[in-house]
Amino acid sequence: MSDDHCRSSESSSESDVVPYVRVLGAFGLRAGDRAIPLPVDSRRLVAYLAVHPRPQPTAALAATLWPGVGPVPAARLLDEAVAGVDVAGLLAADDLGRLHLGDDVVVDLAEAMLLVRGLSAPSMLRTVREIGCPETALLEADILPSWTAPWIAVERERFRQLRLSALEGLSGTLTAADRHDDAVAVARRAVATAPSRERSRRALVEALLAGGHVADALAEYEEFQRLMRNSVGATPDSELDRLLAPLDAGWPLGPGLHRPVQRWGVGMPGAARGAQRGRRLAAGSPASGR
């Protein structure tokens, strides 16, 4: 077998490998099992196209990636960035010359967005009852957290809100399906990302209460109150207050907890309910918006 034939076979094999672009947590580019390094500007270009999947006009793309540089130098930098991407099928252009990633390229952010939509589907409750908690690793990292470009900040915060809402909703679904341990684990991931976000903390408290972990729920409430005191100097009324409000004078409130409006969020095993006063705040109802 000739060397030319060997090289031809290797080239054909490499061209059949679908590139995989990672932008969640850190940038990465792989083709099969092989990590592919890129020059800095090429990395910036591929990351932008991964976060913005629609075809991008080259003039606007160059101006966004190299702000403060004139149109001509920016266009030259873009040409150099494109030339630095020596990966078959990674970049493509449409009939208008607009750049985008190849149709077969896999992007972790796109997979995460599909997961976000799937978790909010009406069928998710049945799914978790039948097969348990879905994998949520794609929802546990921000877009390129160490990058500081202005265009990343907007998309990073947008995705952050979407992934947190998805985790909170999944925790509520798991609670409704009586999968309390999974519900607590998912809610803890959301709280770890945004400790002072009330909706994430509420999802965790609801999951703990539904599983009968009253002391842990009170501890989470007190931790949230502590964060509020340290960050804004006060503990404003919240849905957590109403969630943990006592139904009788004997409720074992922890240190520093006050007695707000008397409403229940989640039924607690073994807790007595007054016939006249029992009002229920359904898990998953709108929070205060913080």
C-alpha atoms as a PDB file:
ATOM      1  CA  MET A   1       0.000   0.000   0.000  1.00  0.00           C
ATOM      2  CA  SER A   2       1.491   3.360  -1.028  1.00  0.00           C
ATOM      3  CA  ASP A   3       2.083   6.291   1.326  1.00  0.00           C
ATOM      4  CA  ASP A   4      -0.237   8.436  -0.831  1.00  0.00           C
ATOM      5  CA  HIS A   5      -3.059   5.944  -0.323  1.00  0.00           C
ATOM      6  CA  CYS A   6      -2.456   5.946   3.456  1.00  0.00           C
ATOM      7  CA  ARG A   7      -2.556   9.731   3.624  1.00  0.00           C
ATOM      8  CA  SER A   8      -5.721   9.798   1.523  1.00  0.00           C
ATOM      9  CA  SER A   9      -7.426   7.317   3.847  1.00  0.00           C
ATOM     10  CA  GLU A  10      -6.415   9.282   6.937  1.00  0.00           C
ATOM     11  CA  SER A  11      -7.710  12.516   5.420  1.00  0.00           C
ATOM     12  CA  SER A  12     -11.031  10.897   4.514  1.00  0.00           C
ATOM     13  CA  SER A  13     -11.378   9.470   8.013  1.00  0.00           C
ATOM     14  CA  GLU A  14     -10.724  12.863   9.637  1.00  0.00           C
ATOM     15  CA  SER A  15     -13.244  14.603   7.396  1.00  0.00           C
ATOM     16  CA  ASP A  16     -15.934  12.171   8.545  1.00  0.00           C
ATOM     17  CA  VAL A  17     -15.478  13.136  12.219  1.00  0.00           C
ATOM     18  CA  VAL A  18     -18.080  15.641  13.445  1.00  0.00           C
ATOM     19  CA  PRO A  19     -16.501  18.590  15.286  1.00  0.00           C
ATOM     20  CA  TYR A  20     -17.749  19.274  18.814  1.00  0.00           C
ATOM     21  CA  VAL A  21     -17.566  22.818  20.210  1.00  0.00           C
ATOM     22  CA  ARG A  22     -17.740  23.460  23.921  1.00  0.00           C
ATOM     23  CA  VAL A  23     -18.568  26.906  25.342  1.00  0.00           C
ATOM     24  CA  LEU A  24     -20.096  25.932  28.711  1.00  0.00           C
ATOM     25  CA  GLY A  25     -17.545  26.268  31.489  1.00  0.00           C
ATOM     26  CA  ALA A  26     -14.603  26.691  29.122  1.00  0.00           C
ATOM     27  CA  PHE A  27     -13.871  26.730  25.412  1.00  0.00           C
ATOM     28  CA  GLY A  28     -12.953  23.495  23.724  1.00  0.00           C
ATOM     29  CA  LEU A  29     -12.910  22.001  20.259  1.00  0.00           C
ATOM     30  CA  ARG A  30     -12.724  18.287  19.575  1.00  0.00           C
ATOM     31  CA  ALA A  31     -12.884  16.029  16.582  1.00  0.00           C
ATOM     32  CA  GLY A  32     -13.569  12.553  17.824  1.00  0.00           C
ATOM     33  CA  ASP A  33     -11.143  11.865  20.676  1.00  0.00           C
ATOM     34  CA  ARG A  34      -8.724  14.551  19.551  1.00  0.00           C
ATOM     35  CA  ALA A  35      -8.588  18.011  21.135  1.00  0.00           C
ATOM     36  CA  ILE A  36      -7.886  20.658  18.500  1.00  0.00           C
ATOM     37  CA  PRO A  37      -5.992  23.833  19.458  1.00  0.00           C
ATOM     38  CA  LEU A  38      -6.871  27.097  17.716  1.00  0.00           C
ATOM     39  CA  PRO A  39      -5.184  30.502  17.549  1.00  0.00           C
ATOM     40  CA  VAL A  40      -6.699  33.088  19.899  1.00  0.00           C
ATOM     41  CA  ASP A  41      -8.651  34.977  17.244  1.00  0.00           C
ATOM     42  CA  SER A  42      -9.881  31.769  15.640  1.00  0.00           C
ATOM     43  CA  ARG A  43     -11.073  30.610  19.054  1.00  0.00           C
ATOM     44  CA  ARG A  44     -12.948  33.877  19.513  1.00  0.00           C
ATOM     45  CA  LEU A  45     -14.593  33.482  16.105  1.00  0.00           C
ATOM     46  CA  VAL A  46     -15.702  29.890  16.674  1.00  0.00           C
ATOM     47  CA  ALA A  47     -17.025  30.728  20.145  1.00  0.00           C
ATOM     48  CA  TYR A  48     -19.082  33.619  18.802  1.00  0.00           C
ATOM     49  CA  LEU A  49     -20.605  31.477  16.067  1.00  0.00           C
ATOM     50  CA  ALA A  50     -21.353  28.731  18.601  1.00  0.00           C
ATOM     51  CA  VAL A  51     -23.250  31.171  20.822  1.00  0.00           C
ATOM     52  CA  HIS A  52     -24.962  32.870  17.846  1.00  0.00           C
ATOM     53  CA  PRO A  53     -26.058  30.019  15.569  1.00  0.00           C
ATOM     54  CA  ARG A  54     -27.587  32.171  12.817  1.00  0.00           C
ATOM     55  CA  PRO A  55     -25.423  33.184   9.833  1.00  0.00           C
ATOM     56  CA  GLN A  56     -23.451  36.336  10.639  1.00  0.00           C
ATOM     57  CA  PRO A  57     -22.661  39.121   8.128  1.00  0.00           C
ATOM     58  CA  THR A  58     -18.887  39.408   8.017  1.00  0.00           C
ATOM     59  CA  ALA A  59     -18.688  43.206   8.450  1.00  0.00           C
ATOM     60  CA  ALA A  60     -20.852  43.167  11.586  1.00  0.00           C
ATOM     61  CA  LEU A  61     -19.042  40.073  12.860  1.00  0.00           C
ATOM     62  CA  ALA A  62     -15.622  41.713  12.499  1.00  0.00           C
ATOM     63  CA  ALA A  63     -16.828  44.899  14.217  1.00  0.00           C
ATOM     64  CA  THR A  64     -18.233  42.908  17.146  1.00  0.00           C
ATOM     65  CA  LEU A  65     -15.198  40.689  17.631  1.00  0.00           C
ATOM     66  CA  TRP A  66     -12.673  43.512  17.331  1.00  0.00           C
ATOM     67  CA  PRO A  67     -14.386  46.646  18.649  1.00  0.00           C
ATOM     68  CA  GLY A  68     -12.374  49.841  18.471  1.00  0.00           C
ATOM     69  CA  VAL A  69     -10.556  48.668  15.355  1.00  0.00           C
ATOM     70  CA  GLY A  70     -11.364  50.232  12.000  1.00  0.00           C
ATOM     71  CA  PRO A  71     -13.397  48.300   9.400  1.00  0.00           C
ATOM     72  CA  VAL A  72     -10.400  47.443   7.222  1.00  0.00           C
ATOM     73  CA  PRO A  73      -8.131  46.075   9.991  1.00  0.00           C
ATOM     74  CA  ALA A  74     -11.095  44.259  11.566  1.00  0.00           C
ATOM     75  CA  ALA A  75     -11.881  42.600   8.226  1.00  0.00           C
ATOM     76  CA  ARG A  76      -8.256  41.535   7.928  1.00  0.00           C
ATOM     77  CA  LEU A  77      -8.310  40.064  11.433  1.00  0.00           C
ATOM     78  CA  LEU A  78     -11.461  38.152  10.560  1.00  0.00           C
ATOM     79  CA  ASP A  79      -9.840  36.738   7.422  1.00  0.00           C
ATOM     80  CA  GLU A  80      -6.854  35.617   9.494  1.00  0.00           C
ATOM     81  CA  ALA A  81      -9.150  34.038  12.089  1.00  0.00           C
ATOM     82  CA  VAL A  82     -10.973  32.094   9.392  1.00  0.00           C
ATOM     83  CA  ALA A  83      -7.684  30.942   7.884  1.00  0.00           C
ATOM     84  CA  GLY A  84      -6.598  29.723  11.326  1.00  0.00           C
ATOM     85  CA  VAL A  85      -9.529  27.276  11.516  1.00  0.00           C
ATOM     86  CA  ASP A  86      -8.026  24.245   9.820  1.00  0.00           C
ATOM     87  CA  VAL A  87     -10.852  21.848  10.662  1.00  0.00           C
ATOM     88  CA  ALA A  88     -12.943  20.286   7.899  1.00  0.00           C
ATOM     89  CA  GLY A  89     -16.603  21.231   8.104  1.00  0.00           C
ATOM     90  CA  LEU A  90     -16.274  23.559  11.092  1.00  0.00           C
ATOM     91  CA  LEU A  91     -16.967  26.831   9.259  1.00  0.00           C
ATOM     92  CA  ALA A  92     -19.378  27.474   6.406  1.00  0.00           C
ATOM     93  CA  ALA A  93     -20.811  30.419   4.495  1.00  0.00           C
ATOM     94  CA  ASP A  94     -24.264  30.880   3.011  1.00  0.00           C
ATOM     95  CA  ASP A  95     -25.169  32.333  -0.402  1.00  0.00           C
ATOM     96  CA  LEU A  96     -24.779  35.864   0.969  1.00  0.00           C
ATOM     97  CA  GLY A  97     -21.311  35.164   2.321  1.00  0.00           C
ATOM     98  CA  ARG A  98     -22.447  35.151   5.942  1.00  0.00           C
ATOM     99  CA  LEU A  99     -20.440  32.922   8.261  1.00  0.00           C
ATOM    100  CA  HIS A 100     -21.816  30.172  10.481  1.00  0.00           C
ATOM    101  CA  LEU A 101     -20.723  26.853  11.907  1.00  0.00           C
ATOM    102  CA  GLY A 102     -21.163  23.830   9.674  1.00  0.00           C
ATOM    103  CA  ASP A 103     -24.557  22.164   9.790  1.00  0.00           C
ATOM    104  CA  ASP A 104     -23.126  18.985  11.316  1.00  0.00           C
ATOM    105  CA  VAL A 105     -21.135  20.702  14.059  1.00  0.00           C
ATOM    106  CA  VAL A 106     -22.336  19.814  17.568  1.00  0.00           C
ATOM    107  CA  VAL A 107     -22.384  22.622  20.163  1.00  0.00           C
ATOM    108  CA  ASP A 108     -22.917  21.950  23.857  1.00  0.00           C
ATOM    109  CA  LEU A 109     -24.923  25.168  24.279  1.00  0.00           C
ATOM    110  CA  ALA A 110     -27.390  24.045  21.604  1.00  0.00           C
ATOM    111  CA  GLU A 111     -27.774  20.721  23.401  1.00  0.00           C
ATOM    112  CA  ALA A 112     -28.359  22.577  26.671  1.00  0.00           C
ATOM    113  CA  MET A 113     -31.082  24.711  25.101  1.00  0.00           C
ATOM    114  CA  LEU A 114     -32.837  21.568  23.862  1.00  0.00           C
ATOM    115  CA  LEU A 115     -32.669  20.233  27.416  1.00  0.00           C
ATOM    116  CA  VAL A 116     -34.147  23.458  28.820  1.00  0.00           C
ATOM    117  CA  ARG A 117     -37.105  23.159  26.458  1.00  0.00           C
ATOM    118  CA  GLY A 118     -37.534  19.467  27.225  1.00  0.00           C
ATOM    119  CA  LEU A 119     -37.625  20.006  30.975  1.00  0.00           C
ATOM    120  CA  SER A 120     -40.574  22.369  30.619  1.00  0.00           C
ATOM    121  CA  ALA A 121     -42.597  19.958  28.465  1.00  0.00           C
ATOM    122  CA  PRO A 122     -45.931  18.757  29.938  1.00  0.00           C
ATOM    123  CA  SER A 123     -44.720  15.169  29.618  1.00  0.00           C
ATOM    124  CA  MET A 124     -41.794  15.697  32.011  1.00  0.00           C
ATOM    125  CA  LEU A 125     -43.788  14.689  35.091  1.00  0.00           C
ATOM    126  CA  ARG A 126     -44.590  11.330  33.542  1.00  0.00           C
ATOM    127  CA  THR A 127     -40.988  10.962  32.410  1.00  0.00           C
ATOM    128  CA  VAL A 128     -39.486  11.460  35.871  1.00  0.00           C
ATOM    129  CA  ARG A 129     -42.036   9.108  37.391  1.00  0.00           C
ATOM    130  CA  GLU A 130     -41.052   6.402  34.929  1.00  0.00           C
ATOM    131  CA  ILE A 131     -37.285   6.819  34.558  1.00  0.00           C
ATOM    132  CA  GLY A 132     -36.189   9.238  37.280  1.00  0.00           C
ATOM    133  CA  CYS A 133     -34.188  12.440  37.109  1.00  0.00           C
ATOM    134  CA  PRO A 134     -32.722  13.398  33.714  1.00  0.00           C
ATOM    135  CA  GLU A 135     -29.057  14.299  33.407  1.00  0.00           C
ATOM    136  CA  THR A 136     -28.529  18.030  34.069  1.00  0.00           C
ATOM    137  CA  ALA A 137     -24.751  18.439  33.687  1.00  0.00           C
ATOM    138  CA  LEU A 138     -25.261  20.784  30.715  1.00  0.00           C
ATOM    139  CA  LEU A 139     -27.167  23.188  32.984  1.00  0.00           C
ATOM    140  CA  GLU A 140     -24.477  23.537  35.610  1.00  0.00           C
ATOM    141  CA  ALA A 141     -22.022  25.927  33.937  1.00  0.00           C
ATOM    142  CA  ASP A 142     -22.120  29.428  32.476  1.00  0.00           C
ATOM    143  CA  ILE A 143     -21.062  30.409  28.984  1.00  0.00           C
ATOM    144  CA  LEU A 144     -17.302  31.036  28.964  1.00  0.00           C
ATOM    145  CA  PRO A 145     -17.209  32.416  32.522  1.00  0.00           C
ATOM    146  CA  SER A 146     -13.601  33.627  32.296  1.00  0.00           C
ATOM    147  CA  TRP A 147     -14.146  35.616  29.088  1.00  0.00           C
ATOM    148  CA  THR A 148     -14.856  39.337  29.419  1.00  0.00           C
ATOM    149  CA  ALA A 149     -16.035  40.420  25.952  1.00  0.00           C
ATOM    150  CA  PRO A 150     -19.259  42.499  26.084  1.00  0.00           C
ATOM    151  CA  TRP A 151     -21.082  40.212  23.643  1.00  0.00           C
ATOM    152  CA  ILE A 152     -20.552  37.254  25.970  1.00  0.00           C
ATOM    153  CA  ALA A 153     -21.956  38.994  29.037  1.00  0.00           C
ATOM    154  CA  VAL A 154     -25.415  39.385  27.510  1.00  0.00           C
ATOM    155  CA  GLU A 155     -25.696  35.785  26.319  1.00  0.00           C
ATOM    156  CA  ARG A 156     -24.147  34.449  29.510  1.00  0.00           C
ATOM    157  CA  GLU A 157     -26.781  36.120  31.696  1.00  0.00           C
ATOM    158  CA  ARG A 158     -29.599  35.075  29.366  1.00  0.00           C
ATOM    159  CA  PHE A 159     -28.545  31.436  29.511  1.00  0.00           C
ATOM    160  CA  ARG A 160     -27.928  31.651  33.254  1.00  0.00           C
ATOM    161  CA  GLN A 161     -31.527  32.701  33.854  1.00  0.00           C
ATOM    162  CA  LEU A 162     -32.832  29.970  31.559  1.00  0.00           C
ATOM    163  CA  ARG A 163     -30.787  27.189  33.138  1.00  0.00           C
ATOM    164  CA  LEU A 164     -31.655  28.238  36.682  1.00  0.00           C
ATOM    165  CA  SER A 165     -35.351  28.366  35.856  1.00  0.00           C
ATOM    166  CA  ALA A 166     -35.080  24.929  34.273  1.00  0.00           C
ATOM    167  CA  LEU A 167     -33.388  23.459  37.361  1.00  0.00           C
ATOM    168  CA  GLU A 168     -35.971  25.048  39.659  1.00  0.00           C
ATOM    169  CA  GLY A 169     -38.806  23.713  37.531  1.00  0.00           C
ATOM    170  CA  LEU A 170     -37.270  20.247  37.395  1.00  0.00           C
ATOM    171  CA  SER A 171     -36.929  20.212  41.177  1.00  0.00           C
ATOM    172  CA  GLY A 172     -40.624  21.031  41.484  1.00  0.00           C
ATOM    173  CA  THR A 173     -41.505  18.291  39.019  1.00  0.00           C
ATOM    174  CA  LEU A 174     -39.434  15.774  40.948  1.00  0.00           C
ATOM    175  CA  THR A 175     -41.113  16.848  44.171  1.00  0.00           C
ATOM    176  CA  ALA A 176     -44.529  16.344  42.575  1.00  0.00           C
ATOM    177  CA  ALA A 177     -43.403  12.871  41.477  1.00  0.00           C
ATOM    178  CA  ASP A 178     -42.353  12.025  45.078  1.00  0.00           C
ATOM    179  CA  ARG A 179     -38.696  11.775  44.067  1.00  0.00           C
ATOM    180  CA  HIS A 180     -37.639  13.944  46.966  1.00  0.00           C
ATOM    181  CA  ASP A 181     -33.920  13.101  47.081  1.00  0.00           C
ATOM    182  CA  ASP A 182     -33.538  13.922  43.398  1.00  0.00           C
ATOM    183  CA  ALA A 183     -35.545  17.121  43.874  1.00  0.00           C
ATOM    184  CA  VAL A 184     -33.241  18.228  46.684  1.00  0.00           C
ATOM    185  CA  ALA A 185     -30.113  17.406  44.657  1.00  0.00           C
ATOM    186  CA  VAL A 186     -31.304  19.388  41.622  1.00  0.00           C
ATOM    187  CA  ALA A 187     -32.369  22.371  43.734  1.00  0.00           C
ATOM    188  CA  ARG A 188     -28.995  22.378  45.490  1.00  0.00           C
ATOM    189  CA  ARG A 189     -27.295  22.736  42.104  1.00  0.00           C
ATOM    190  CA  ALA A 190     -29.373  25.836  41.414  1.00  0.00           C
ATOM    191  CA  VAL A 191     -28.646  27.272  44.870  1.00  0.00           C
ATOM    192  CA  ALA A 192     -24.927  26.622  44.439  1.00  0.00           C
ATOM    193  CA  THR A 193     -25.026  28.721  41.262  1.00  0.00           C
ATOM    194  CA  ALA A 194     -27.075  31.573  42.746  1.00  0.00           C
ATOM    195  CA  PRO A 195     -27.173  31.386  46.567  1.00  0.00           C
ATOM    196  CA  SER A 196     -29.127  34.631  46.963  1.00  0.00           C
ATOM    197  CA  ARG A 197     -31.727  33.822  44.284  1.00  0.00           C
ATOM    198  CA  GLU A 198     -34.990  33.351  46.137  1.00  0.00           C
ATOM    199  CA  ARG A 199     -36.651  31.053  43.620  1.00  0.00           C
ATOM    200  CA  SER A 200     -33.759  28.583  43.754  1.00  0.00           C
ATOM    201  CA  ARG A 201     -33.749  28.613  47.542  1.00  0.00           C
ATOM    202  CA  ARG A 202     -37.507  28.184  47.592  1.00  0.00           C
ATOM    203  CA  ALA A 203     -37.294  25.140  45.318  1.00  0.00           C
ATOM    204  CA  LEU A 204     -34.786  23.623  47.736  1.00  0.00           C
ATOM    205  CA  VAL A 205     -36.899  24.397  50.809  1.00  0.00           C
ATOM    206  CA  GLU A 206     -40.002  22.929  49.158  1.00  0.00           C
ATOM    207  CA  ALA A 207     -38.130  19.758  48.230  1.00  0.00           C
ATOM    208  CA  LEU A 208     -36.770  19.405  51.771  1.00  0.00           C
ATOM    209  CA  LEU A 209     -40.178  19.952  53.351  1.00  0.00           C
ATOM    210  CA  ALA A 210     -41.862  17.486  51.013  1.00  0.00           C
ATOM    211  CA  GLY A 211     -39.285  14.886  52.017  1.00  0.00           C
ATOM    212  CA  GLY A 212     -39.824  15.552  55.707  1.00  0.00           C
ATOM    213  CA  HIS A 213     -36.474  17.281  56.306  1.00  0.00           C
ATOM    214  CA  VAL A 214     -37.881  20.128  58.382  1.00  0.00           C
ATOM    215  CA  ALA A 215     -34.670  21.085  60.192  1.00  0.00           C
ATOM    216  CA  ASP A 216     -32.747  21.257  56.912  1.00  0.00           C
ATOM    217  CA  ALA A 217     -35.464  23.416  55.371  1.00  0.00           C
ATOM    218  CA  LEU A 218     -35.281  25.842  58.297  1.00  0.00           C
ATOM    219  CA  ALA A 219     -31.495  25.923  58.005  1.00  0.00           C
ATOM    220  CA  GLU A 220     -31.756  26.848  54.324  1.00  0.00           C
ATOM    221  CA  TYR A 221     -34.232  29.600  55.198  1.00  0.00           C
ATOM    222  CA  GLU A 222     -31.908  31.002  57.852  1.00  0.00           C
ATOM    223  CA  GLU A 223     -28.962  30.886  55.425  1.00  0.00           C
ATOM    224  CA  PHE A 224     -30.999  32.845  52.877  1.00  0.00           C
ATOM    225  CA  GLN A 225     -31.896  35.404  55.555  1.00  0.00           C
ATOM    226  CA  ARG A 226     -28.218  35.720  56.481  1.00  0.00           C
ATOM    227  CA  LEU A 227     -27.251  36.328  52.847  1.00  0.00           C
ATOM    228  CA  MET A 228     -29.906  39.021  52.541  1.00  0.00           C
ATOM    229  CA  ARG A 229     -28.723  40.762  55.704  1.00  0.00           C
ATOM    230  CA  ASN A 230     -25.116  40.701  54.493  1.00  0.00           C
ATOM    231  CA  SER A 231     -25.879  41.872  50.953  1.00  0.00           C
ATOM    232  CA  VAL A 232     -28.703  44.416  51.369  1.00  0.00           C
ATOM    233  CA  GLY A 233     -28.715  44.984  55.119  1.00  0.00           C
ATOM    234  CA  ALA A 234     -32.282  43.723  55.572  1.00  0.00           C
ATOM    235  CA  THR A 235     -34.471  40.645  55.275  1.00  0.00           C
ATOM    236  CA  PRO A 236     -37.393  41.708  53.082  1.00  0.00           C
ATOM    237  CA  ASP A 237     -40.630  39.726  53.020  1.00  0.00           C
ATOM    238  CA  SER A 238     -40.436  36.807  50.635  1.00  0.00           C
ATOM    239  CA  GLU A 239     -42.281  33.733  49.471  1.00  0.00           C
ATOM    240  CA  LEU A 240     -40.006  31.761  51.776  1.00  0.00           C
ATOM    241  CA  ASP A 241     -41.607  33.541  54.744  1.00  0.00           C
ATOM    242  CA  ARG A 242     -45.050  32.396  53.701  1.00  0.00           C
ATOM    243  CA  LEU A 243     -43.770  28.956  52.841  1.00  0.00           C
ATOM    244  CA  LEU A 244     -42.489  28.437  56.368  1.00  0.00           C
ATOM    245  CA  ALA A 245     -45.191  30.328  58.250  1.00  0.00           C
ATOM    246  CA  PRO A 246     -46.472  28.401  61.305  1.00  0.00           C
ATOM    247  CA  LEU A 247     -50.011  27.137  61.648  1.00  0.00           C
ATOM    248  CA  ASP A 248     -49.943  27.147  65.431  1.00  0.00           C
ATOM    249  CA  ALA A 249     -48.017  28.695  68.300  1.00  0.00           C
ATOM    250  CA  GLY A 250     -46.077  25.527  68.883  1.00  0.00           C
ATOM    251  CA  TRP A 251     -44.263  25.537  65.527  1.00  0.00           C
ATOM    252  CA  PRO A 252     -40.531  25.063  66.170  1.00  0.00           C
ATOM    253  CA  LEU A 253     -39.119  28.174  64.563  1.00  0.00           C
ATOM    254  CA  GLY A 254     -35.367  28.442  64.580  1.00  0.00           C
ATOM    255  CA  PRO A 255     -33.240  31.313  65.936  1.00  0.00           C
ATOM    256  CA  GLY A 256     -34.084  34.625  64.324  1.00  0.00           C
ATOM    257  CA  LEU A 257     -37.115  33.359  62.402  1.00  0.00           C
ATOM    258  CA  HIS A 258     -40.190  35.552  62.611  1.00  0.00           C
ATOM    259  CA  ARG A 259     -43.843  34.676  62.159  1.00  0.00           C
ATOM    260  CA  PRO A 260     -45.136  36.102  58.875  1.00  0.00           C
ATOM    261  CA  VAL A 261     -48.444  35.510  57.068  1.00  0.00           C
ATOM    262  CA  GLN A 262     -49.741  32.053  57.946  1.00  0.00           C
ATOM    263  CA  ARG A 263     -49.639  30.040  54.753  1.00  0.00           C
ATOM    264  CA  TRP A 264     -48.231  26.667  53.814  1.00  0.00           C
ATOM    265  CA  GLY A 265     -46.182  25.897  50.723  1.00  0.00           C
ATOM    266  CA  VAL A 266     -45.782  22.131  50.960  1.00  0.00           C
ATOM    267  CA  GLY A 267     -47.505  19.642  53.205  1.00  0.00           C
ATOM    268  CA  MET A 268     -45.117  18.451  55.922  1.00  0.00           C
ATOM    269  CA  PRO A 269     -45.306  14.900  57.190  1.00  0.00           C
ATOM    270  CA  GLY A 270     -46.765  14.784  60.698  1.00  0.00           C
ATOM    271  CA  ALA A 271     -47.723  18.455  60.871  1.00  0.00           C
ATOM    272  CA  ALA A 272     -51.229  19.241  62.056  1.00  0.00           C
ATOM    273  CA  ARG A 273     -53.354  21.630  60.022  1.00  0.00           C
ATOM    274  CA  GLY A 274     -56.137  23.807  61.417  1.00  0.00           C
ATOM    275  CA  ALA A 275     -59.456  23.337  59.651  1.00  0.00           C
ATOM    276  CA  GLN A 276     -60.290  27.052  59.535  1.00  0.00           C
ATOM    277  CA  ARG A 277     -56.820  28.417  58.898  1.00  0.00           C
ATOM    278  CA  GLY A 278     -55.350  25.900  56.470  1.00  0.00           C
ATOM    279  CA  ARG A 279     -54.445  27.800  53.300  1.00  0.00           C
ATOM    280  CA  ARG A 280     -52.068  26.198  50.845  1.00  0.00           C
ATOM    281  CA  LEU A 281     -49.469  27.891  48.687  1.00  0.00           C
ATOM    282  CA  ALA A 282     -48.968  25.476  45.818  1.00  0.00           C
ATOM    283  CA  ALA A 283     -45.398  24.539  45.063  1.00  0.00           C
ATOM    284  CA  GLY A 284     -44.321  26.174  41.828  1.00  0.00           C
ATOM    285  CA  SER A 285     -46.625  29.207  42.079  1.00  0.00           C
ATOM    286  CA  PRO A 286     -45.068  32.560  41.099  1.00  0.00           C
ATOM    287  CA  ALA A 287     -42.415  33.774  43.484  1.00  0.00           C
ATOM    288  CA  SER A 288     -41.767  37.339  44.497  1.00  0.00           C
ATOM    289  CA  GLY A 289     -39.594  37.983  41.420  1.00  0.00           C
ATOM    290  CA  ARG A 290     -36.304  38.390  43.210  1.00  0.00           C
END
